[in-house]
Amino acid sequence: MTARFVSAAEMMSRVLGMPGYAFATIGHPVSSATDDELKAMARTAIEQGAKLLVKQ
């Protein structure tokens, strides 16, 4: 999820009965990002996703 759409994702999670659903967030926009910026965003998403998967 890019930062620009976090509020929309949070609303959808509430509508779908899963308030507080956690997800990884990366910078916005993606379409104009350089290869290096995309790699950094991917690393961020992987790190956040890993933390979500092992959250106790």
PDB file of N, CA and C in Angstrom:
ATOM      1  N   MET A   1       0.844  -1.147   0.000  1.00  0.00           N
ATOM      2  CA  MET A   1       0.000   0.000   0.000  1.00  0.00           C
ATOM      3  C   MET A   1       0.902   1.226   0.000  1.00  0.00           C
ATOM      4  N   THR A   2       0.598   2.195  -0.861  1.00  0.00           N
ATOM      5  CA  THR A   2       1.371   3.427  -0.797  1.00  0.00           C
ATOM      6  C   THR A   2       0.750   4.368   0.225  1.00  0.00           C
ATOM      7  N   ALA A   3       1.575   5.245   0.751  1.00  0.00           N
ATOM      8  CA  ALA A   3       1.150   6.148   1.818  1.00  0.00           C
ATOM      9  C   ALA A   3      -0.099   6.948   1.441  1.00  0.00           C
ATOM     10  N   ARG A   4      -0.229   7.292   0.181  1.00  0.00           N
ATOM     11  CA  ARG A   4      -1.368   8.103  -0.250  1.00  0.00           C
ATOM     12  C   ARG A   4      -2.710   7.385  -0.060  1.00  0.00           C
ATOM     13  N   PHE A   5      -2.703   6.066  -0.099  1.00  0.00           N
ATOM     14  CA  PHE A   5      -3.952   5.306  -0.054  1.00  0.00           C
ATOM     15  C   PHE A   5      -4.212   4.605   1.276  1.00  0.00           C
ATOM     16  N   VAL A   6      -3.454   4.947   2.306  1.00  0.00           N
ATOM     17  CA  VAL A   6      -3.631   4.315   3.614  1.00  0.00           C
ATOM     18  C   VAL A   6      -5.038   4.534   4.154  1.00  0.00           C
ATOM     19  N   SER A   7      -5.554   5.745   4.063  1.00  0.00           N
ATOM     20  CA  SER A   7      -6.895   6.006   4.614  1.00  0.00           C
ATOM     21  C   SER A   7      -7.960   5.192   3.885  1.00  0.00           C
ATOM     22  N   ALA A   8      -7.808   5.027   2.577  1.00  0.00           N
ATOM     23  CA  ALA A   8      -8.763   4.212   1.817  1.00  0.00           C
ATOM     24  C   ALA A   8      -8.677   2.748   2.236  1.00  0.00           C
ATOM     25  N   ALA A   9      -7.477   2.257   2.448  1.00  0.00           N
ATOM     26  CA  ALA A   9      -7.302   0.871   2.881  1.00  0.00           C
ATOM     27  C   ALA A   9      -7.877   0.649   4.274  1.00  0.00           C
ATOM     28  N   GLU A  10      -7.665   1.607   5.157  1.00  0.00           N
ATOM     29  CA  GLU A  10      -8.229   1.496   6.503  1.00  0.00           C
ATOM     30  C   GLU A  10      -9.749   1.487   6.461  1.00  0.00           C
ATOM     31  N   MET A  11     -10.332   2.324   5.610  1.00  0.00           N
ATOM     32  CA  MET A  11     -11.786   2.350   5.470  1.00  0.00           C
ATOM     33  C   MET A  11     -12.293   1.013   4.939  1.00  0.00           C
ATOM     34  N   MET A  12     -11.621   0.472   3.936  1.00  0.00           N
ATOM     35  CA  MET A  12     -12.051  -0.808   3.370  1.00  0.00           C
ATOM     36  C   MET A  12     -11.934  -1.930   4.391  1.00  0.00           C
ATOM     37  N   SER A  13     -10.901  -1.902   5.208  1.00  0.00           N
ATOM     38  CA  SER A  13     -10.773  -2.949   6.217  1.00  0.00           C
ATOM     39  C   SER A  13     -11.927  -2.869   7.218  1.00  0.00           C
ATOM     40  N   ARG A  14     -12.343  -1.653   7.562  1.00  0.00           N
ATOM     41  CA  ARG A  14     -13.495  -1.500   8.460  1.00  0.00           C
ATOM     42  C   ARG A  14     -14.771  -1.993   7.789  1.00  0.00           C
ATOM     43  N   VAL A  15     -14.979  -1.608   6.536  1.00  0.00           N
ATOM     44  CA  VAL A  15     -16.184  -2.005   5.791  1.00  0.00           C
ATOM     45  C   VAL A  15     -16.260  -3.523   5.669  1.00  0.00           C
ATOM     46  N   LEU A  16     -15.114  -4.163   5.503  1.00  0.00           N
ATOM     47  CA  LEU A  16     -15.073  -5.609   5.332  1.00  0.00           C
ATOM     48  C   LEU A  16     -15.026  -6.358   6.663  1.00  0.00           C
ATOM     49  N   GLY A  17     -15.189  -5.626   7.766  1.00  0.00           N
ATOM     50  CA  GLY A  17     -15.274  -6.260   9.076  1.00  0.00           C
ATOM     51  C   GLY A  17     -13.944  -6.612   9.705  1.00  0.00           C
ATOM     52  N   MET A  18     -12.876  -5.953   9.253  1.00  0.00           N
ATOM     53  CA  MET A  18     -11.557  -6.233   9.814  1.00  0.00           C
ATOM     54  C   MET A  18     -10.873  -4.933  10.230  1.00  0.00           C
ATOM     55  N   PRO A  19     -11.504  -4.175  11.145  1.00  0.00           N
ATOM     56  CA  PRO A  19     -10.892  -2.914  11.565  1.00  0.00           C
ATOM     57  C   PRO A  19      -9.517  -3.152  12.183  1.00  0.00           C
ATOM     58  N   GLY A  20      -8.609  -2.257  11.903  1.00  0.00           N
ATOM     59  CA  GLY A  20      -7.271  -2.388  12.451  1.00  0.00           C
ATOM     60  C   GLY A  20      -6.381  -3.359  11.685  1.00  0.00           C
ATOM     61  N   TYR A  21      -6.845  -3.829  10.519  1.00  0.00           N
ATOM     62  CA  TYR A  21      -6.041  -4.745   9.712  1.00  0.00           C
ATOM     63  C   TYR A  21      -4.705  -4.093   9.381  1.00  0.00           C
ATOM     64  N   ALA A  22      -3.639  -4.782   9.639  1.00  0.00           N
ATOM     65  CA  ALA A  22      -2.301  -4.223   9.432  1.00  0.00           C
ATOM     66  C   ALA A  22      -1.779  -4.551   8.040  1.00  0.00           C
ATOM     67  N   PHE A  23      -1.062  -3.606   7.458  1.00  0.00           N
ATOM     68  CA  PHE A  23      -0.465  -3.816   6.143  1.00  0.00           C
ATOM     69  C   PHE A  23       0.804  -2.990   6.030  1.00  0.00           C
ATOM     70  N   ALA A  24       1.646  -3.369   5.104  1.00  0.00           N
ATOM     71  CA  ALA A  24       2.891  -2.640   4.863  1.00  0.00           C
ATOM     72  C   ALA A  24       2.587  -1.388   4.048  1.00  0.00           C
ATOM     73  N   THR A  25       3.349  -0.337   4.314  1.00  0.00           N
ATOM     74  CA  THR A  25       3.157   0.934   3.617  1.00  0.00           C
ATOM     75  C   THR A  25       4.482   1.402   3.040  1.00  0.00           C
ATOM     76  N   ILE A  26       4.430   1.797   1.770  1.00  0.00           N
ATOM     77  CA  ILE A  26       5.616   2.346   1.118  1.00  0.00           C
ATOM     78  C   ILE A  26       5.315   3.763   0.637  1.00  0.00           C
ATOM     79  N   GLY A  27       6.345   4.451   0.183  1.00  0.00           N
ATOM     80  CA  GLY A  27       6.192   5.816  -0.295  1.00  0.00           C
ATOM     81  C   GLY A  27       5.336   5.920  -1.552  1.00  0.00           C
ATOM     82  N   HIS A  28       4.953   7.115  -1.850  1.00  0.00           N
ATOM     83  CA  HIS A  28       4.134   7.406  -3.024  1.00  0.00           C
ATOM     84  C   HIS A  28       4.762   8.601  -3.717  1.00  0.00           C
ATOM     85  N   PRO A  29       4.807   8.620  -5.022  1.00  0.00           N
ATOM     86  CA  PRO A  29       4.273   7.637  -5.971  1.00  0.00           C
ATOM     87  C   PRO A  29       5.300   6.567  -6.316  1.00  0.00           C
ATOM     88  N   VAL A  30       4.807   5.501  -6.899  1.00  0.00           N
ATOM     89  CA  VAL A  30       5.660   4.410  -7.330  1.00  0.00           C
ATOM     90  C   VAL A  30       6.020   4.580  -8.812  1.00  0.00           C
ATOM     91  N   SER A  31       5.081   5.079  -9.585  1.00  0.00           N
ATOM     92  CA  SER A  31       5.263   5.140 -11.041  1.00  0.00           C
ATOM     93  C   SER A  31       6.459   5.975 -11.490  1.00  0.00           C
ATOM     94  N   SER A  32       6.835   6.970 -10.731  1.00  0.00           N
ATOM     95  CA  SER A  32       7.960   7.822 -11.135  1.00  0.00           C
ATOM     96  C   SER A  32       9.238   7.524 -10.355  1.00  0.00           C
ATOM     97  N   ALA A  33       9.226   6.475  -9.566  1.00  0.00           N
ATOM     98  CA  ALA A  33      10.394   6.124  -8.759  1.00  0.00           C
ATOM     99  C   ALA A  33      11.485   5.502  -9.632  1.00  0.00           C
ATOM    100  N   THR A  34      12.717   5.756  -9.260  1.00  0.00           N
ATOM    101  CA  THR A  34      13.852   5.154  -9.959  1.00  0.00           C
ATOM    102  C   THR A  34      13.988   3.695  -9.523  1.00  0.00           C
ATOM    103  N   ASP A  35      14.815   2.950 -10.220  1.00  0.00           N
ATOM    104  CA  ASP A  35      15.049   1.556  -9.839  1.00  0.00           C
ATOM    105  C   ASP A  35      15.560   1.448  -8.406  1.00  0.00           C
ATOM    106  N   ASP A  36      16.486   2.327  -8.039  1.00  0.00           N
ATOM    107  CA  ASP A  36      17.015   2.292  -6.674  1.00  0.00           C
ATOM    108  C   ASP A  36      15.944   2.634  -5.644  1.00  0.00           C
ATOM    109  N   GLU A  37      15.097   3.595  -5.968  1.00  0.00           N
ATOM    110  CA  GLU A  37      13.996   3.949  -5.050  1.00  0.00           C
ATOM    111  C   GLU A  37      13.013   2.788  -4.918  1.00  0.00           C
ATOM    112  N   LEU A  38      12.727   2.112  -6.025  1.00  0.00           N
ATOM    113  CA  LEU A  38      11.826   0.954  -5.973  1.00  0.00           C
ATOM    114  C   LEU A  38      12.424  -0.166  -5.135  1.00  0.00           C
ATOM    115  N   LYS A  39      13.724  -0.382  -5.266  1.00  0.00           N
ATOM    116  CA  LYS A  39      14.390  -1.404  -4.448  1.00  0.00           C
ATOM    117  C   LYS A  39      14.289  -1.057  -2.971  1.00  0.00           C
ATOM    118  N   ALA A  40      14.474   0.210  -2.641  1.00  0.00           N
ATOM    119  CA  ALA A  40      14.365   0.640  -1.242  1.00  0.00           C
ATOM    120  C   ALA A  40      12.944   0.455  -0.731  1.00  0.00           C
ATOM    121  N   MET A  41      11.961   0.777  -1.561  1.00  0.00           N
ATOM    122  CA  MET A  41      10.555   0.592  -1.179  1.00  0.00           C
ATOM    123  C   MET A  41      10.258  -0.883  -0.963  1.00  0.00           C
ATOM    124  N   ALA A  42      10.792  -1.730  -1.832  1.00  0.00           N
ATOM    125  CA  ALA A  42      10.586  -3.174  -1.690  1.00  0.00           C
ATOM    126  C   ALA A  42      11.200  -3.680  -0.383  1.00  0.00           C
ATOM    127  N   ARG A  43      12.398  -3.211  -0.067  1.00  0.00           N
ATOM    128  CA  ARG A  43      13.033  -3.603   1.203  1.00  0.00           C
ATOM    129  C   ARG A  43      12.171  -3.176   2.389  1.00  0.00           C
ATOM    130  N   THR A  44      11.642  -1.966   2.321  1.00  0.00           N
ATOM    131  CA  THR A  44      10.773  -1.469   3.389  1.00  0.00           C
ATOM    132  C   THR A  44       9.547  -2.356   3.543  1.00  0.00           C
ATOM    133  N   ALA A  45       8.914  -2.689   2.421  1.00  0.00           N
ATOM    134  CA  ALA A  45       7.716  -3.528   2.463  1.00  0.00           C
ATOM    135  C   ALA A  45       8.035  -4.917   3.020  1.00  0.00           C
ATOM    136  N   ILE A  46       9.162  -5.470   2.623  1.00  0.00           N
ATOM    137  CA  ILE A  46       9.568  -6.791   3.126  1.00  0.00           C
ATOM    138  C   ILE A  46       9.798  -6.742   4.633  1.00  0.00           C
ATOM    139  N   GLU A  47      10.496  -5.718   5.104  1.00  0.00           N
ATOM    140  CA  GLU A  47      10.754  -5.591   6.541  1.00  0.00           C
ATOM    141  C   GLU A  47       9.451  -5.439   7.320  1.00  0.00           C
ATOM    142  N   GLN A  48       8.564  -4.596   6.826  1.00  0.00           N
ATOM    143  CA  GLN A  48       7.284  -4.399   7.507  1.00  0.00           C
ATOM    144  C   GLN A  48       6.461  -5.678   7.468  1.00  0.00           C
ATOM    145  N   GLY A  49       6.436  -6.325   6.324  1.00  0.00           N
ATOM    146  CA  GLY A  49       5.665  -7.566   6.173  1.00  0.00           C
ATOM    147  C   GLY A  49       6.176  -8.657   7.094  1.00  0.00           C
ATOM    148  N   ALA A  50       7.484  -8.780   7.205  1.00  0.00           N
ATOM    149  CA  ALA A  50       8.058  -9.780   8.102  1.00  0.00           C
ATOM    150  C   ALA A  50       7.644  -9.515   9.545  1.00  0.00           C
ATOM    151  N   LYS A  51       7.665  -8.262   9.943  1.00  0.00           N
ATOM    152  CA  LYS A  51       7.249  -7.921  11.313  1.00  0.00           C
ATOM    153  C   LYS A  51       5.785  -8.262  11.531  1.00  0.00           C
ATOM    154  N   LEU A  52       4.954  -8.052  10.508  1.00  0.00           N
ATOM    155  CA  LEU A  52       3.525  -8.377  10.635  1.00  0.00           C
ATOM    156  C   LEU A  52       3.317  -9.889  10.762  1.00  0.00           C
ATOM    157  N   LEU A  53       4.117 -10.654  10.039  1.00  0.00           N
ATOM    158  CA  LEU A  53       3.965 -12.107  10.059  1.00  0.00           C
ATOM    159  C   LEU A  53       4.382 -12.734  11.377  1.00  0.00           C
ATOM    160  N   VAL A  54       5.347 -12.143  12.051  1.00  0.00           N
ATOM    161  CA  VAL A  54       5.831 -12.735  13.302  1.00  0.00           C
ATOM    162  C   VAL A  54       5.323 -11.982  14.534  1.00  0.00           C
ATOM    163  N   LYS A  55       4.409 -11.036  14.312  1.00  0.00           N
ATOM    164  CA  LYS A  55       3.854 -10.272  15.426  1.00  0.00           C
ATOM    165  C   LYS A  55       3.156 -11.219  16.408  1.00  0.00           C
ATOM    166  N   GLN A  56       3.453 -11.027  17.690  1.00  0.00           N
ATOM    167  CA  GLN A  56       2.867 -11.908  18.704  1.00  0.00           C
ATOM    168  C   GLN A  56       1.807 -11.184  19.488  1.00  0.00           C
TER     169      GLN A  56
END
